[in-house]
Amino acid sequence: MLNVSHAVVEPAAMEQLRECSASHHLPTAIDPLQSECQLSIVAPVETAAIPRVRRLAAA
């Protein structure tokens, strides 16, 4: 299991992790022999839906 629930993960990296999970193989650069693996990902919460608090500085 790969828990990245508290990490900031680039969308492209998260997509690659999901592809590895679906194909049951790591990228060939990591595993040239392409051994089968079981990868379970605990993804971070989508932050786009969470409003951010902005503080305005007094001029």
Protein backbone atom coordinates (compact mmCIF):
# COMPACT_ATOMS: atom_id res chain seq x y z
CA MET A 1 0.00 0.00 0.00
CA LEU A 2 1.26 3.46 -0.89
CA ASN A 3 -0.25 6.13 1.37
CA VAL A 4 0.13 9.61 -0.09
CA SER A 5 -2.98 10.97 1.62
CA HIS A 6 -1.02 13.72 3.39
CA ALA A 7 1.31 14.53 0.50
CA VAL A 8 1.19 17.06 -2.30
CA VAL A 9 1.24 14.94 -5.46
CA GLU A 10 1.49 16.33 -8.98
CA PRO A 11 -1.47 15.22 -11.13
CA ALA A 12 0.83 13.52 -13.67
CA ALA A 13 2.52 11.52 -10.90
CA MET A 14 -0.84 10.49 -9.44
CA GLU A 15 -2.00 9.35 -12.88
CA GLN A 16 1.16 7.28 -13.32
CA LEU A 17 0.59 5.65 -9.92
CA ARG A 18 -2.99 4.81 -10.91
CA GLU A 19 -1.79 3.33 -14.20
CA CYS A 20 0.74 1.18 -12.35
CA SER A 21 -1.98 0.01 -9.98
CA ALA A 22 -4.29 -0.90 -12.88
CA SER A 23 -1.60 -2.67 -14.95
CA HIS A 24 0.02 -4.41 -11.94
CA HIS A 25 3.46 -3.33 -13.20
CA LEU A 26 5.92 -0.57 -12.31
CA PRO A 27 7.50 1.54 -15.07
CA THR A 28 10.27 -0.27 -16.97
CA ALA A 29 12.82 2.29 -15.74
CA ILE A 30 12.10 1.08 -12.19
CA ASP A 31 11.50 -2.61 -12.92
CA PRO A 32 13.04 -3.66 -16.26
CA LEU A 33 11.91 -7.26 -15.73
CA GLN A 34 8.28 -6.11 -15.35
CA SER A 35 7.45 -8.33 -12.41
CA GLU A 36 3.78 -8.31 -11.47
CA CYS A 37 2.97 -6.24 -8.39
CA GLN A 38 -0.09 -5.30 -6.38
CA LEU A 39 -0.15 -1.56 -5.75
CA SER A 40 -2.86 0.00 -3.62
CA ILE A 41 -2.88 3.80 -3.40
CA VAL A 42 -4.39 5.95 -0.67
CA ALA A 43 -4.73 9.22 -2.57
CA PRO A 44 -4.69 12.73 -1.12
CA VAL A 45 -7.95 14.59 -0.65
CA GLU A 46 -8.73 16.80 -3.63
CA THR A 47 -7.75 20.29 -2.50
CA ALA A 48 -9.56 22.14 -5.31
CA ALA A 49 -12.86 21.78 -3.46
CA ILE A 50 -11.45 23.16 -0.21
CA PRO A 51 -11.64 26.95 -0.02
CA ARG A 52 -8.39 28.64 0.91
CA VAL A 53 -8.30 31.39 3.49
CA ARG A 54 -6.61 34.55 2.23
CA ARG A 55 -5.32 37.18 4.52
CA LEU A 56 -5.10 40.75 3.34
CA ALA A 57 -2.23 42.83 4.62
CA ALA A 58 -3.16 46.29 5.91
CA ALA A 59 -1.44 48.96 3.86
